[in-house]
Amino acid sequence: HLIYYEHTFRHAYENLLTNGLVAVAVVDRVAEK
């Protein structure tokens, strides 16, 4: 599991209420990984 704290209650929040499907991208730019 991943976790985050929602505080803007805008686009992402509204979309999650609709279907809950997500992708999270995390990249180390220097290592290019």
Full PDB file with SEQRES, HELIX, SHEET, SSBOND, CRYST1, ORIGX, SCALE, CONECT and MASTER records, all heavy atoms in Angstrom:
SEQRES   1 A   33  HIS LEU ILE TYR TYR GLU HIS THR PHE ARG HIS ALA TYR          
SEQRES   2 A   33  GLU ASN LEU LEU THR ASN GLY LEU VAL ALA VAL ALA VAL          
SEQRES   3 A   33  VAL ASP ARG VAL ALA GLU LYS                                  
HELIX    1 AA1 HIS A   11  THR A   18  1                                   8    
CRYST1    1.000    1.000    1.000  90.00  90.00  90.00 P 1           1          
ORIGX1      1.000000  0.000000  0.000000        0.00000                         
ORIGX2      0.000000  1.000000  0.000000        0.00000                         
ORIGX3      0.000000  0.000000  1.000000        0.00000                         
SCALE1      1.000000  0.000000  0.000000        0.00000                         
SCALE2      0.000000  1.000000  0.000000        0.00000                         
SCALE3      0.000000  0.000000  1.000000        0.00000                         
ATOM      1  N   HIS A   1       0.817  -1.214   0.000  1.00  0.00           N  
ATOM      2  CA  HIS A   1       0.000   0.000   0.000  1.00  0.00           C  
ATOM      3  C   HIS A   1       0.855   1.269   0.000  1.00  0.00           C  
ATOM      4  O   HIS A   1       1.902   1.325   0.646  1.00  0.00           O  
ATOM      5  CB  HIS A   1      -0.905   0.047   1.238  1.00  0.00           C  
ATOM      6  CG  HIS A   1      -1.860  -1.075   1.303  1.00  0.00           C  
ATOM      7  ND1 HIS A   1      -1.582  -2.244   1.968  1.00  0.00           N  
ATOM      8  CD2 HIS A   1      -3.098  -1.223   0.774  1.00  0.00           C  
ATOM      9  CE1 HIS A   1      -2.612  -3.065   1.856  1.00  0.00           C  
ATOM     10  NE2 HIS A   1      -3.545  -2.473   1.132  1.00  0.00           N  
ATOM     11  N   LEU A   2       0.342   2.272  -0.691  1.00  0.00           N  
ATOM     12  CA  LEU A   2       0.872   3.632  -0.615  1.00  0.00           C  
ATOM     13  C   LEU A   2      -0.169   4.467   0.114  1.00  0.00           C  
ATOM     14  O   LEU A   2      -1.339   4.099   0.163  1.00  0.00           O  
ATOM     15  CB  LEU A   2       1.112   4.208  -2.014  1.00  0.00           C  
ATOM     16  CG  LEU A   2       2.075   3.445  -2.916  1.00  0.00           C  
ATOM     17  CD1 LEU A   2       2.092   4.064  -4.313  1.00  0.00           C  
ATOM     18  CD2 LEU A   2       3.470   3.432  -2.320  1.00  0.00           C  
ATOM     19  N   ILE A   3       0.254   5.606   0.643  1.00  0.00           N  
ATOM     20  CA  ILE A   3      -0.653   6.487   1.375  1.00  0.00           C  
ATOM     21  C   ILE A   3      -0.291   7.937   1.053  1.00  0.00           C  
ATOM     22  O   ILE A   3       0.877   8.247   0.825  1.00  0.00           O  
ATOM     23  CB  ILE A   3      -0.562   6.230   2.902  1.00  0.00           C  
ATOM     24  CG1 ILE A   3      -1.570   7.075   3.680  1.00  0.00           C  
ATOM     25  CG2 ILE A   3       0.852   6.450   3.413  1.00  0.00           C  
ATOM     26  CD1 ILE A   3      -1.628   6.736   5.180  1.00  0.00           C  
ATOM     27  N   TYR A   4      -1.307   8.792   0.989  1.00  0.00           N  
ATOM     28  CA  TYR A   4      -1.055  10.233   0.936  1.00  0.00           C  
ATOM     29  C   TYR A   4      -2.197  10.969   1.601  1.00  0.00           C  
ATOM     30  O   TYR A   4      -3.254  10.414   1.858  1.00  0.00           O  
ATOM     31  CB  TYR A   4      -0.793  10.740  -0.496  1.00  0.00           C  
ATOM     32  CG  TYR A   4      -1.997  10.928  -1.378  1.00  0.00           C  
ATOM     33  CD1 TYR A   4      -2.676  12.148  -1.424  1.00  0.00           C  
ATOM     34  CD2 TYR A   4      -2.435   9.912  -2.209  1.00  0.00           C  
ATOM     35  CE1 TYR A   4      -3.775  12.329  -2.257  1.00  0.00           C  
ATOM     36  CE2 TYR A   4      -3.524  10.092  -3.052  1.00  0.00           C  
ATOM     37  CZ  TYR A   4      -4.185  11.300  -3.072  1.00  0.00           C  
ATOM     38  OH  TYR A   4      -5.267  11.476  -3.890  1.00  0.00           O  
ATOM     39  N   TYR A   5      -1.943  12.244   1.896  1.00  0.00           N  
ATOM     40  CA  TYR A   5      -2.917  13.076   2.595  1.00  0.00           C  
ATOM     41  C   TYR A   5      -3.516  14.057   1.593  1.00  0.00           C  
ATOM     42  O   TYR A   5      -2.822  14.897   1.042  1.00  0.00           O  
ATOM     43  CB  TYR A   5      -2.265  13.813   3.761  1.00  0.00           C  
ATOM     44  CG  TYR A   5      -1.414  12.885   4.609  1.00  0.00           C  
ATOM     45  CD1 TYR A   5      -0.106  13.209   4.929  1.00  0.00           C  
ATOM     46  CD2 TYR A   5      -1.913  11.668   5.047  1.00  0.00           C  
ATOM     47  CE1 TYR A   5       0.677  12.356   5.686  1.00  0.00           C  
ATOM     48  CE2 TYR A   5      -1.133  10.804   5.797  1.00  0.00           C  
ATOM     49  CZ  TYR A   5       0.147  11.151   6.110  1.00  0.00           C  
ATOM     50  OH  TYR A   5       0.923  10.293   6.840  1.00  0.00           O  
ATOM     51  N   GLU A   6      -4.792  13.928   1.346  1.00  0.00           N  
ATOM     52  CA  GLU A   6      -5.507  14.791   0.406  1.00  0.00           C  
ATOM     53  C   GLU A   6      -5.949  16.049   1.118  1.00  0.00           C  
ATOM     54  O   GLU A   6      -6.557  15.986   2.189  1.00  0.00           O  
ATOM     55  CB  GLU A   6      -6.720  14.047  -0.157  1.00  0.00           C  
ATOM     56  CG  GLU A   6      -7.568  14.857  -1.096  1.00  0.00           C  
ATOM     57  CD  GLU A   6      -6.812  15.316  -2.325  1.00  0.00           C  
ATOM     58  OE1 GLU A   6      -6.213  14.480  -3.023  1.00  0.00           O  
ATOM     59  OE2 GLU A   6      -6.824  16.539  -2.582  1.00  0.00           O  
ATOM     60  N   HIS A   7      -5.632  17.215   0.529  1.00  0.00           N  
ATOM     61  CA  HIS A   7      -6.033  18.466   1.161  1.00  0.00           C  
ATOM     62  C   HIS A   7      -6.562  19.492   0.169  1.00  0.00           C  
ATOM     63  O   HIS A   7      -7.133  20.499   0.564  1.00  0.00           O  
ATOM     64  CB  HIS A   7      -4.883  19.082   1.971  1.00  0.00           C  
ATOM     65  CG  HIS A   7      -3.666  19.358   1.158  1.00  0.00           C  
ATOM     66  ND1 HIS A   7      -3.545  20.459   0.359  1.00  0.00           N  
ATOM     67  CD2 HIS A   7      -2.527  18.643   1.018  1.00  0.00           C  
ATOM     68  CE1 HIS A   7      -2.370  20.426  -0.248  1.00  0.00           C  
ATOM     69  NE2 HIS A   7      -1.739  19.332   0.140  1.00  0.00           N  
ATOM     70  N   THR A   8      -6.407  19.248  -1.143  1.00  0.00           N  
ATOM     71  CA  THR A   8      -6.924  20.210  -2.121  1.00  0.00           C  
ATOM     72  C   THR A   8      -8.369  19.902  -2.507  1.00  0.00           C  
ATOM     73  O   THR A   8      -9.117  20.807  -2.848  1.00  0.00           O  
ATOM     74  CB  THR A   8      -6.067  20.246  -3.398  1.00  0.00           C  
ATOM     75  OG1 THR A   8      -6.132  18.969  -4.032  1.00  0.00           O  
ATOM     76  CG2 THR A   8      -4.633  20.628  -3.073  1.00  0.00           C  
ATOM     77  N   PHE A   9      -8.715  18.626  -2.489  1.00  0.00           N  
ATOM     78  CA  PHE A   9     -10.083  18.182  -2.819  1.00  0.00           C  
ATOM     79  C   PHE A   9     -10.531  18.687  -4.189  1.00  0.00           C  
ATOM     80  O   PHE A   9     -11.668  19.113  -4.353  1.00  0.00           O  
ATOM     81  CB  PHE A   9     -11.064  18.599  -1.718  1.00  0.00           C  
ATOM     82  CG  PHE A   9     -10.761  17.924  -0.416  1.00  0.00           C  
ATOM     83  CD1 PHE A   9      -9.970  18.557   0.536  1.00  0.00           C  
ATOM     84  CD2 PHE A   9     -11.218  16.656  -0.147  1.00  0.00           C  
ATOM     85  CE1 PHE A   9      -9.661  17.939   1.741  1.00  0.00           C  
ATOM     86  CE2 PHE A   9     -10.916  16.018   1.050  1.00  0.00           C  
ATOM     87  CZ  PHE A   9     -10.146  16.659   1.988  1.00  0.00           C  
ATOM     88  N   ARG A  10      -9.633  18.598  -5.141  1.00  0.00           N  
ATOM     89  CA  ARG A  10      -9.983  19.031  -6.499  1.00  0.00           C  
ATOM     90  C   ARG A  10      -9.963  17.850  -7.452  1.00  0.00           C  
ATOM     91  O   ARG A  10     -10.657  16.871  -7.227  1.00  0.00           O  
ATOM     92  CB  ARG A  10      -9.056  20.160  -6.934  1.00  0.00           C  
ATOM     93  CG  ARG A  10      -9.324  21.441  -6.133  1.00  0.00           C  
ATOM     94  CD  ARG A  10      -8.825  22.672  -6.854  1.00  0.00           C  
ATOM     95  NE  ARG A  10      -9.190  23.859  -6.114  1.00  0.00           N  
ATOM     96  CZ  ARG A  10      -8.418  24.457  -5.214  1.00  0.00           C  
ATOM     97  NH1 ARG A  10      -7.227  23.987  -4.933  1.00  0.00           N  
ATOM     98  NH2 ARG A  10      -8.830  25.536  -4.590  1.00  0.00           N  
ATOM     99  N   HIS A  11      -9.183  17.942  -8.521  1.00  0.00           N  
ATOM    100  CA  HIS A  11      -9.244  16.972  -9.614  1.00  0.00           C  
ATOM    101  C   HIS A  11      -9.017  15.531  -9.179  1.00  0.00           C  
ATOM    102  O   HIS A  11      -9.848  14.663  -9.466  1.00  0.00           O  
ATOM    103  CB  HIS A  11      -8.245  17.341 -10.714  1.00  0.00           C  
ATOM    104  CG  HIS A  11      -8.496  18.691 -11.290  1.00  0.00           C  
ATOM    105  ND1 HIS A  11      -7.566  19.685 -11.220  1.00  0.00           N  
ATOM    106  CD2 HIS A  11      -9.574  19.214 -11.913  1.00  0.00           C  
ATOM    107  CE1 HIS A  11      -8.046  20.766 -11.796  1.00  0.00           C  
ATOM    108  NE2 HIS A  11      -9.271  20.513 -12.219  1.00  0.00           N  
ATOM    109  N   ALA A  12      -7.902  15.262  -8.545  1.00  0.00           N  
ATOM    110  CA  ALA A  12      -7.605  13.881  -8.147  1.00  0.00           C  
ATOM    111  C   ALA A  12      -8.686  13.340  -7.215  1.00  0.00           C  
ATOM    112  O   ALA A  12      -9.164  12.222  -7.392  1.00  0.00           O  
ATOM    113  CB  ALA A  12      -6.231  13.796  -7.484  1.00  0.00           C  
ATOM    114  N   TYR A  13      -9.058  14.124  -6.243  1.00  0.00           N  
ATOM    115  CA  TYR A  13     -10.090  13.706  -5.279  1.00  0.00           C  
ATOM    116  C   TYR A  13     -11.398  13.388  -5.993  1.00  0.00           C  
ATOM    117  O   TYR A  13     -11.996  12.333  -5.769  1.00  0.00           O  
ATOM    118  CB  TYR A  13     -10.285  14.816  -4.248  1.00  0.00           C  
ATOM    119  CG  TYR A  13     -11.382  14.555  -3.249  1.00  0.00           C  
ATOM    120  CD1 TYR A  13     -11.174  13.693  -2.179  1.00  0.00           C  
ATOM    121  CD2 TYR A  13     -12.615  15.177  -3.367  1.00  0.00           C  
ATOM    122  CE1 TYR A  13     -12.177  13.462  -1.252  1.00  0.00           C  
ATOM    123  CE2 TYR A  13     -13.624  14.959  -2.446  1.00  0.00           C  
ATOM    124  CZ  TYR A  13     -13.399  14.098  -1.388  1.00  0.00           C  
ATOM    125  OH  TYR A  13     -14.391  13.873  -0.463  1.00  0.00           O  
ATOM    126  N   GLU A  14     -11.835  14.278  -6.855  1.00  0.00           N  
ATOM    127  CA  GLU A  14     -13.091  14.051  -7.590  1.00  0.00           C  
ATOM    128  C   GLU A  14     -12.994  12.802  -8.459  1.00  0.00           C  
ATOM    129  O   GLU A  14     -13.947  12.021  -8.538  1.00  0.00           O  
ATOM    130  CB  GLU A  14     -13.435  15.281  -8.444  1.00  0.00           C  
ATOM    131  CG  GLU A  14     -13.805  16.495  -7.635  1.00  0.00           C  
ATOM    132  CD  GLU A  14     -15.076  16.309  -6.810  1.00  0.00           C  
ATOM    133  OE1 GLU A  14     -15.991  15.595  -7.257  1.00  0.00           O  
ATOM    134  OE2 GLU A  14     -15.156  16.883  -5.711  1.00  0.00           O  
ATOM    135  N   ASN A  15     -11.852  12.615  -9.113  1.00  0.00           N  
ATOM    136  CA  ASN A  15     -11.683  11.427  -9.948  1.00  0.00           C  
ATOM    137  C   ASN A  15     -11.676  10.151  -9.121  1.00  0.00           C  
ATOM    138  O   ASN A  15     -12.235   9.132  -9.529  1.00  0.00           O  
ATOM    139  CB  ASN A  15     -10.400  11.538 -10.775  1.00  0.00           C  
ATOM    140  CG  ASN A  15     -10.472  12.634 -11.813  1.00  0.00           C  
ATOM    141  OD1 ASN A  15     -11.546  13.144 -12.128  1.00  0.00           O  
ATOM    142  ND2 ASN A  15      -9.325  13.016 -12.341  1.00  0.00           N  
ATOM    143  N   LEU A  16     -11.070  10.193  -7.954  1.00  0.00           N  
ATOM    144  CA  LEU A  16     -11.044   9.017  -7.087  1.00  0.00           C  
ATOM    145  C   LEU A  16     -12.437   8.657  -6.606  1.00  0.00           C  
ATOM    146  O   LEU A  16     -12.763   7.477  -6.443  1.00  0.00           O  
ATOM    147  CB  LEU A  16     -10.115   9.232  -5.898  1.00  0.00           C  
ATOM    148  CG  LEU A  16      -8.637   9.359  -6.227  1.00  0.00           C  
ATOM    149  CD1 LEU A  16      -7.826   9.563  -4.959  1.00  0.00           C  
ATOM    150  CD2 LEU A  16      -8.149   8.174  -7.014  1.00  0.00           C  
ATOM    151  N   LEU A  17     -13.267   9.662  -6.367  1.00  0.00           N  
ATOM    152  CA  LEU A  17     -14.647   9.382  -5.975  1.00  0.00           C  
ATOM    153  C   LEU A  17     -15.396   8.646  -7.078  1.00  0.00           C  
ATOM    154  O   LEU A  17     -16.287   7.841  -6.803  1.00  0.00           O  
ATOM    155  CB  LEU A  17     -15.383  10.684  -5.639  1.00  0.00           C  
ATOM    156  CG  LEU A  17     -14.960  11.404  -4.369  1.00  0.00           C  
ATOM    157  CD1 LEU A  17     -15.698  12.730  -4.246  1.00  0.00           C  
ATOM    158  CD2 LEU A  17     -15.209  10.539  -3.145  1.00  0.00           C  
ATOM    159  N   THR A  18     -15.018   8.903  -8.317  1.00  0.00           N  
ATOM    160  CA  THR A  18     -15.687   8.288  -9.455  1.00  0.00           C  
ATOM    161  C   THR A  18     -15.275   6.841  -9.679  1.00  0.00           C  
ATOM    162  O   THR A  18     -16.117   5.975  -9.851  1.00  0.00           O  
ATOM    163  CB  THR A  18     -15.393   9.098 -10.746  1.00  0.00           C  
ATOM    164  OG1 THR A  18     -15.842  10.434 -10.538  1.00  0.00           O  
ATOM    165  CG2 THR A  18     -16.101   8.506 -11.942  1.00  0.00           C  
ATOM    166  N   ASN A  19     -13.936   6.579  -9.701  1.00  0.00           N  
ATOM    167  CA  ASN A  19     -13.521   5.205 -10.027  1.00  0.00           C  
ATOM    168  C   ASN A  19     -12.347   4.676  -9.213  1.00  0.00           C  
ATOM    169  O   ASN A  19     -12.115   3.490  -9.209  1.00  0.00           O  
ATOM    170  CB  ASN A  19     -13.228   5.065 -11.524  1.00  0.00           C  
ATOM    171  CG  ASN A  19     -12.077   5.926 -11.970  1.00  0.00           C  
ATOM    172  OD1 ASN A  19     -11.096   6.109 -11.265  1.00  0.00           O  
ATOM    173  ND2 ASN A  19     -12.185   6.460 -13.178  1.00  0.00           N  
ATOM    174  N   GLY A  20     -11.558   5.514  -8.577  1.00  0.00           N  
ATOM    175  CA  GLY A  20     -10.480   5.067  -7.709  1.00  0.00           C  
ATOM    176  C   GLY A  20      -9.249   4.532  -8.403  1.00  0.00           C  
ATOM    177  O   GLY A  20      -8.291   4.147  -7.750  1.00  0.00           O  
ATOM    178  N   LEU A  21      -9.232   4.498  -9.738  1.00  0.00           N  
ATOM    179  CA  LEU A  21      -8.076   3.974 -10.448  1.00  0.00           C  
ATOM    180  C   LEU A  21      -6.945   4.999 -10.449  1.00  0.00           C  
ATOM    181  O   LEU A  21      -7.164   6.173 -10.737  1.00  0.00           O  
ATOM    182  CB  LEU A  21      -8.453   3.612 -11.882  1.00  0.00           C  
ATOM    183  CG  LEU A  21      -9.530   2.554 -12.021  1.00  0.00           C  
ATOM    184  CD1 LEU A  21      -9.891   2.353 -13.493  1.00  0.00           C  
ATOM    185  CD2 LEU A  21      -9.102   1.246 -11.382  1.00  0.00           C  
ATOM    186  N   VAL A  22      -5.737   4.543 -10.111  1.00  0.00           N  
ATOM    187  CA  VAL A  22      -4.592   5.444 -10.025  1.00  0.00           C  
ATOM    188  C   VAL A  22      -3.330   4.806 -10.594  1.00  0.00           C  
ATOM    189  O   VAL A  22      -3.216   3.585 -10.664  1.00  0.00           O  
ATOM    190  CB  VAL A  22      -4.294   5.882  -8.570  1.00  0.00           C  
ATOM    191  CG1 VAL A  22      -5.454   6.619  -7.960  1.00  0.00           C  
ATOM    192  CG2 VAL A  22      -3.895   4.705  -7.719  1.00  0.00           C  
ATOM    193  N   ALA A  23      -2.408   5.681 -10.947  1.00  0.00           N  
ATOM    194  CA  ALA A  23      -1.031   5.295 -11.232  1.00  0.00           C  
ATOM    195  C   ALA A  23      -0.161   6.325 -10.524  1.00  0.00           C  
ATOM    196  O   ALA A  23      -0.503   7.512 -10.478  1.00  0.00           O  
ATOM    197  CB  ALA A  23      -0.739   5.291 -12.727  1.00  0.00           C  
ATOM    198  N   VAL A  24       0.930   5.877  -9.952  1.00  0.00           N  
ATOM    199  CA  VAL A  24       1.881   6.758  -9.281  1.00  0.00           C  
ATOM    200  C   VAL A  24       3.235   6.544  -9.936  1.00  0.00           C  
ATOM    201  O   VAL A  24       3.707   5.413 -10.035  1.00  0.00           O  
ATOM    202  CB  VAL A  24       1.982   6.444  -7.769  1.00  0.00           C  
ATOM    203  CG1 VAL A  24       3.086   7.267  -7.123  1.00  0.00           C  
ATOM    204  CG2 VAL A  24       0.651   6.673  -7.080  1.00  0.00           C  
ATOM    205  N   ALA A  25       3.851   7.627 -10.396  1.00  0.00           N  
ATOM    206  CA  ALA A  25       5.194   7.560 -10.971  1.00  0.00           C  
ATOM    207  C   ALA A  25       6.166   8.233 -10.011  1.00  0.00           C  
ATOM    208  O   ALA A  25       5.912   9.338  -9.537  1.00  0.00           O  
ATOM    209  CB  ALA A  25       5.230   8.252 -12.330  1.00  0.00           C  
ATOM    210  N   VAL A  26       7.257   7.538  -9.744  1.00  0.00           N  
ATOM    211  CA  VAL A  26       8.309   8.049  -8.869  1.00  0.00           C  
ATOM    212  C   VAL A  26       9.631   7.797  -9.578  1.00  0.00           C  
ATOM    213  O   VAL A  26       9.931   6.664  -9.935  1.00  0.00           O  
ATOM    214  CB  VAL A  26       8.301   7.330  -7.502  1.00  0.00           C  
ATOM    215  CG1 VAL A  26       9.376   7.900  -6.596  1.00  0.00           C  
ATOM    216  CG2 VAL A  26       6.950   7.418  -6.849  1.00  0.00           C  
ATOM    217  N   VAL A  27      10.415   8.870  -9.789  1.00  0.00           N  
ATOM    218  CA  VAL A  27      11.656   8.736 -10.546  1.00  0.00           C  
ATOM    219  C   VAL A  27      12.782   9.500  -9.866  1.00  0.00           C  
ATOM    220  O   VAL A  27      12.580  10.607  -9.383  1.00  0.00           O  
ATOM    221  CB  VAL A  27      11.473   9.268 -11.989  1.00  0.00           C  
ATOM    222  CG1 VAL A  27      12.767   9.199 -12.775  1.00  0.00           C  
ATOM    223  CG2 VAL A  27      10.371   8.505 -12.708  1.00  0.00           C  
ATOM    224  N   ASP A  28      13.943   8.882  -9.855  1.00  0.00           N  
ATOM    225  CA  ASP A  28      15.168   9.550  -9.442  1.00  0.00           C  
ATOM    226  C   ASP A  28      15.816  10.073 -10.721  1.00  0.00           C  
ATOM    227  O   ASP A  28      16.347   9.299 -11.519  1.00  0.00           O  
ATOM    228  CB  ASP A  28      16.095   8.567  -8.731  1.00  0.00           C  
ATOM    229  CG  ASP A  28      17.379   9.211  -8.239  1.00  0.00           C  
ATOM    230  OD1 ASP A  28      17.923  10.095  -8.936  1.00  0.00           O  
ATOM    231  OD2 ASP A  28      17.849   8.816  -7.165  1.00  0.00           O  
ATOM    232  N   ARG A  29      15.728  11.382 -10.932  1.00  0.00           N  
ATOM    233  CA  ARG A  29      16.200  11.977 -12.188  1.00  0.00           C  
ATOM    234  C   ARG A  29      17.691  11.753 -12.405  1.00  0.00           C  
ATOM    235  O   ARG A  29      18.122  11.462 -13.519  1.00  0.00           O  
ATOM    236  CB  ARG A  29      15.878  13.464 -12.208  1.00  0.00           C  
ATOM    237  CG  ARG A  29      16.279  14.134 -13.497  1.00  0.00           C  
ATOM    238  CD  ARG A  29      15.649  15.505 -13.627  1.00  0.00           C  
ATOM    239  NE  ARG A  29      16.167  16.233 -14.740  1.00  0.00           N  
ATOM    240  CZ  ARG A  29      15.760  16.095 -15.998  1.00  0.00           C  
ATOM    241  NH1 ARG A  29      14.826  15.219 -16.277  1.00  0.00           N  
ATOM    242  NH2 ARG A  29      16.277  16.808 -16.955  1.00  0.00           N  
ATOM    243  N   VAL A  30      18.485  11.884 -11.373  1.00  0.00           N  
ATOM    244  CA  VAL A  30      19.932  11.731 -11.501  1.00  0.00           C  
ATOM    245  C   VAL A  30      20.286  10.294 -11.894  1.00  0.00           C  
ATOM    246  O   VAL A  30      21.074  10.056 -12.810  1.00  0.00           O  
ATOM    247  CB  VAL A  30      20.655  12.137 -10.194  1.00  0.00           C  
ATOM    248  CG1 VAL A  30      22.134  11.839 -10.275  1.00  0.00           C  
ATOM    249  CG2 VAL A  30      20.416  13.614  -9.906  1.00  0.00           C  
ATOM    250  N   ALA A  31      19.694   9.324 -11.236  1.00  0.00           N  
ATOM    251  CA  ALA A  31      19.988   7.917 -11.509  1.00  0.00           C  
ATOM    252  C   ALA A  31      19.238   7.397 -12.734  1.00  0.00           C  
ATOM    253  O   ALA A  31      19.553   6.312 -13.236  1.00  0.00           O  
ATOM    254  CB  ALA A  31      19.631   7.067 -10.290  1.00  0.00           C  
ATOM    255  N   GLU A  32      18.245   8.162 -13.212  1.00  0.00           N  
ATOM    256  CA  GLU A  32      17.394   7.751 -14.330  1.00  0.00           C  
ATOM    257  C   GLU A  32      16.754   6.390 -14.067  1.00  0.00           C  
ATOM    258  O   GLU A  32      16.691   5.522 -14.931  1.00  0.00           O  
ATOM    259  CB  GLU A  32      18.173   7.754 -15.644  1.00  0.00           C  
ATOM    260  CG  GLU A  32      18.641   9.123 -16.052  1.00  0.00           C  
ATOM    261  CD  GLU A  32      19.321   9.159 -17.404  1.00  0.00           C  
ATOM    262  OE1 GLU A  32      19.851   8.114 -17.849  1.00  0.00           O  
ATOM    263  OE2 GLU A  32      19.304  10.232 -18.018  1.00  0.00           O  
ATOM    264  N   LYS A  33      16.267   6.241 -12.839  1.00  0.00           N  
ATOM    265  CA  LYS A  33      15.581   5.017 -12.435  1.00  0.00           C  
ATOM    266  C   LYS A  33      14.306   5.397 -11.701  1.00  0.00           C  
ATOM    267  O   LYS A  33      14.267   6.392 -10.992  1.00  0.00           O  
ATOM    268  CB  LYS A  33      16.453   4.162 -11.514  1.00  0.00           C  
ATOM    269  CG  LYS A  33      17.678   3.609 -12.184  1.00  0.00           C  
ATOM    270  CD  LYS A  33      18.456   2.722 -11.243  1.00  0.00           C  
ATOM    271  CE  LYS A  33      19.682   2.145 -11.899  1.00  0.00           C  
ATOM    272  NZ  LYS A  33      19.393   1.173 -12.925  1.00  0.00           N  
TER     273      LYS A  33                                                      
MASTER        0    0    0    1    0    0    0    6  272    1    0    3          
END                                                                             
